[in-house]
Amino acid sequence: MSITSNTAAFHYPCAMPCARKDVLTAQKIDVGLIFQAMLGTIFAAEYLRQNGIPLETALRVLTLSRR
């Protein structure tokens, strides 16, 4: 079995196709959502602000239900 024969299956940096091509931003948002579940929305919002996530993005991900 050739290693290169399966490289197309690993096109995305995450297991499922990501909606966001900016992987670092997506990871920060994921951490923010984990913080929200563990520590609350205010802490998560502050984390996202300190990490340069635009306000409109932070509001959307912290207030809308997950798909």
N, C-alpha and C. Protein backbone atom coordinates (compact mmCIF):
# COMPACT_ATOMS: atom_id res chain seq x y z
N MET A 1 0.85 -1.18 0.00
CA MET A 1 0.00 0.00 0.00
C MET A 1 0.89 1.23 0.00
N SER A 2 0.64 2.11 -0.90
CA SER A 2 1.43 3.32 -1.03
C SER A 2 0.94 4.41 -0.08
N ILE A 3 1.88 5.12 0.53
CA ILE A 3 1.52 6.22 1.43
C ILE A 3 0.83 7.33 0.66
N THR A 4 1.28 7.61 -0.54
CA THR A 4 0.70 8.71 -1.31
C THR A 4 -0.69 8.40 -1.83
N SER A 5 -1.10 7.15 -1.87
CA SER A 5 -2.43 6.83 -2.41
C SER A 5 -3.56 7.32 -1.52
N ASN A 6 -3.30 7.55 -0.24
CA ASN A 6 -4.35 7.98 0.68
C ASN A 6 -4.25 9.43 1.10
N THR A 7 -3.36 10.20 0.52
CA THR A 7 -3.19 11.58 0.96
C THR A 7 -4.41 12.45 0.66
N ALA A 8 -5.18 12.13 -0.35
CA ALA A 8 -6.37 12.93 -0.66
C ALA A 8 -7.40 12.85 0.45
N ALA A 9 -7.43 11.75 1.18
CA ALA A 9 -8.38 11.60 2.28
C ALA A 9 -8.06 12.52 3.44
N PHE A 10 -6.84 13.04 3.51
CA PHE A 10 -6.42 13.89 4.61
C PHE A 10 -6.23 15.34 4.17
N HIS A 11 -7.08 15.78 3.26
CA HIS A 11 -7.00 17.16 2.76
C HIS A 11 -7.28 18.17 3.87
N TYR A 12 -8.21 17.88 4.75
CA TYR A 12 -8.57 18.81 5.82
C TYR A 12 -7.69 18.56 7.04
N PRO A 13 -7.32 19.64 7.75
CA PRO A 13 -6.48 19.48 8.93
C PRO A 13 -7.22 18.88 10.13
N CYS A 14 -8.53 18.75 10.04
CA CYS A 14 -9.29 18.14 11.13
C CYS A 14 -10.00 16.91 10.58
N ALA A 15 -10.56 16.10 11.44
CA ALA A 15 -11.18 14.85 11.02
C ALA A 15 -12.38 15.08 10.12
N MET A 16 -13.16 16.10 10.43
CA MET A 16 -14.32 16.45 9.61
C MET A 16 -13.98 17.70 8.81
N PRO A 17 -14.60 17.89 7.64
CA PRO A 17 -14.33 19.12 6.90
C PRO A 17 -14.68 20.35 7.74
N CYS A 18 -13.76 21.29 7.80
CA CYS A 18 -13.95 22.50 8.60
C CYS A 18 -14.64 23.56 7.77
N ALA A 19 -15.52 24.33 8.39
CA ALA A 19 -16.18 25.43 7.69
C ALA A 19 -15.19 26.57 7.47
N ARG A 20 -14.17 26.63 8.29
CA ARG A 20 -13.22 27.73 8.28
C ARG A 20 -11.87 27.24 7.79
N LYS A 21 -11.29 27.94 6.80
CA LYS A 21 -9.99 27.55 6.29
C LYS A 21 -8.87 28.04 7.19
N ASP A 22 -9.13 29.03 8.01
CA ASP A 22 -8.15 29.54 8.95
C ASP A 22 -8.16 28.63 10.17
N VAL A 23 -7.29 27.65 10.20
CA VAL A 23 -7.31 26.62 11.22
C VAL A 23 -7.04 27.21 12.60
N LEU A 24 -6.13 28.15 12.73
CA LEU A 24 -5.82 28.73 14.03
C LEU A 24 -7.04 29.43 14.62
N THR A 25 -7.76 30.20 13.80
CA THR A 25 -8.97 30.87 14.28
C THR A 25 -10.02 29.83 14.69
N ALA A 26 -10.17 28.79 13.90
CA ALA A 26 -11.14 27.74 14.23
C ALA A 26 -10.78 27.08 15.56
N GLN A 27 -9.49 26.86 15.80
CA GLN A 27 -9.06 26.25 17.06
C GLN A 27 -9.33 27.18 18.24
N LYS A 28 -9.10 28.47 18.06
CA LYS A 28 -9.39 29.44 19.12
C LYS A 28 -10.87 29.46 19.45
N ILE A 29 -11.71 29.39 18.42
CA ILE A 29 -13.15 29.37 18.64
C ILE A 29 -13.56 28.09 19.36
N ASP A 30 -12.97 26.96 18.98
CA ASP A 30 -13.27 25.70 19.68
C ASP A 30 -12.90 25.80 21.16
N VAL A 31 -11.74 26.38 21.46
CA VAL A 31 -11.33 26.56 22.85
C VAL A 31 -12.32 27.49 23.56
N GLY A 32 -12.73 28.56 22.89
CA GLY A 32 -13.71 29.48 23.47
C GLY A 32 -15.01 28.78 23.81
N LEU A 33 -15.46 27.88 22.95
CA LEU A 33 -16.69 27.14 23.21
C LEU A 33 -16.53 26.17 24.37
N ILE A 34 -15.36 25.59 24.49
CA ILE A 34 -15.08 24.71 25.64
C ILE A 34 -15.08 25.54 26.93
N PHE A 35 -14.42 26.70 26.88
CA PHE A 35 -14.42 27.59 28.04
C PHE A 35 -15.84 28.01 28.41
N GLN A 36 -16.67 28.27 27.39
CA GLN A 36 -18.04 28.66 27.66
C GLN A 36 -18.77 27.56 28.43
N ALA A 37 -18.59 26.33 28.00
CA ALA A 37 -19.25 25.20 28.67
C ALA A 37 -18.73 24.99 30.09
N MET A 38 -17.43 25.21 30.27
CA MET A 38 -16.82 24.94 31.57
C MET A 38 -16.88 26.13 32.53
N LEU A 39 -16.67 27.34 32.00
CA LEU A 39 -16.46 28.51 32.86
C LEU A 39 -17.46 29.63 32.66
N GLY A 40 -18.29 29.53 31.62
CA GLY A 40 -19.31 30.54 31.37
C GLY A 40 -19.01 31.43 30.17
N THR A 41 -20.04 32.11 29.74
CA THR A 41 -19.96 32.93 28.53
C THR A 41 -19.05 34.13 28.70
N ILE A 42 -19.05 34.76 29.84
CA ILE A 42 -18.22 35.95 30.05
C ILE A 42 -16.74 35.59 29.92
N PHE A 43 -16.33 34.50 30.54
CA PHE A 43 -14.94 34.07 30.44
C PHE A 43 -14.58 33.74 29.00
N ALA A 44 -15.49 33.02 28.31
CA ALA A 44 -15.24 32.64 26.92
C ALA A 44 -15.14 33.88 26.03
N ALA A 45 -16.01 34.85 26.24
CA ALA A 45 -15.99 36.08 25.44
C ALA A 45 -14.67 36.83 25.65
N GLU A 46 -14.20 36.89 26.87
CA GLU A 46 -12.94 37.56 27.17
C GLU A 46 -11.77 36.83 26.52
N TYR A 47 -11.79 35.50 26.56
CA TYR A 47 -10.75 34.72 25.90
C TYR A 47 -10.71 35.02 24.40
N LEU A 48 -11.88 35.01 23.76
CA LEU A 48 -11.94 35.28 22.32
C LEU A 48 -11.47 36.69 22.01
N ARG A 49 -11.85 37.67 22.83
CA ARG A 49 -11.41 39.05 22.63
C ARG A 49 -9.89 39.15 22.72
N GLN A 50 -9.32 38.53 23.74
CA GLN A 50 -7.87 38.59 23.93
C GLN A 50 -7.10 37.88 22.83
N ASN A 51 -7.78 36.98 22.12
CA ASN A 51 -7.12 36.23 21.06
C ASN A 51 -7.47 36.74 19.66
N GLY A 52 -8.03 37.94 19.59
CA GLY A 52 -8.23 38.60 18.31
C GLY A 52 -9.39 38.12 17.47
N ILE A 53 -10.34 37.45 18.08
CA ILE A 53 -11.52 37.01 17.33
C ILE A 53 -12.45 38.22 17.20
N PRO A 54 -12.87 38.54 15.97
CA PRO A 54 -13.76 39.70 15.79
C PRO A 54 -15.03 39.58 16.63
N LEU A 55 -15.50 40.72 17.13
CA LEU A 55 -16.66 40.75 18.01
C LEU A 55 -17.87 40.07 17.39
N GLU A 56 -18.15 40.34 16.12
CA GLU A 56 -19.33 39.74 15.48
C GLU A 56 -19.22 38.21 15.41
N THR A 57 -18.01 37.70 15.24
CA THR A 57 -17.81 36.25 15.22
C THR A 57 -18.01 35.68 16.61
N ALA A 58 -17.42 36.32 17.62
CA ALA A 58 -17.56 35.86 19.00
C ALA A 58 -19.03 35.84 19.42
N LEU A 59 -19.76 36.91 19.08
CA LEU A 59 -21.19 36.97 19.42
C LEU A 59 -21.95 35.83 18.77
N ARG A 60 -21.66 35.59 17.50
CA ARG A 60 -22.37 34.54 16.77
C ARG A 60 -22.12 33.17 17.39
N VAL A 61 -20.86 32.83 17.64
CA VAL A 61 -20.57 31.47 18.12
C VAL A 61 -20.98 31.27 19.58
N LEU A 62 -20.97 32.33 20.37
CA LEU A 62 -21.32 32.16 21.77
C LEU A 62 -22.82 32.25 22.04
N THR A 63 -23.58 32.82 21.11
CA THR A 63 -25.02 32.99 21.37
C THR A 63 -25.91 32.08 20.55
N LEU A 64 -25.45 31.59 19.40
CA LEU A 64 -26.29 30.71 18.59
C LEU A 64 -26.03 29.27 18.97
N SER A 65 -27.08 28.46 18.88
CA SER A 65 -26.91 27.05 19.20
C SER A 65 -26.03 26.39 18.15
N ARG A 66 -25.31 25.37 18.57
CA ARG A 66 -24.41 24.64 17.66
C ARG A 66 -25.23 23.89 16.64
N ARG A 67 -24.70 23.77 15.43
CA ARG A 67 -25.41 23.05 14.36
C ARG A 67 -25.24 21.57 14.47
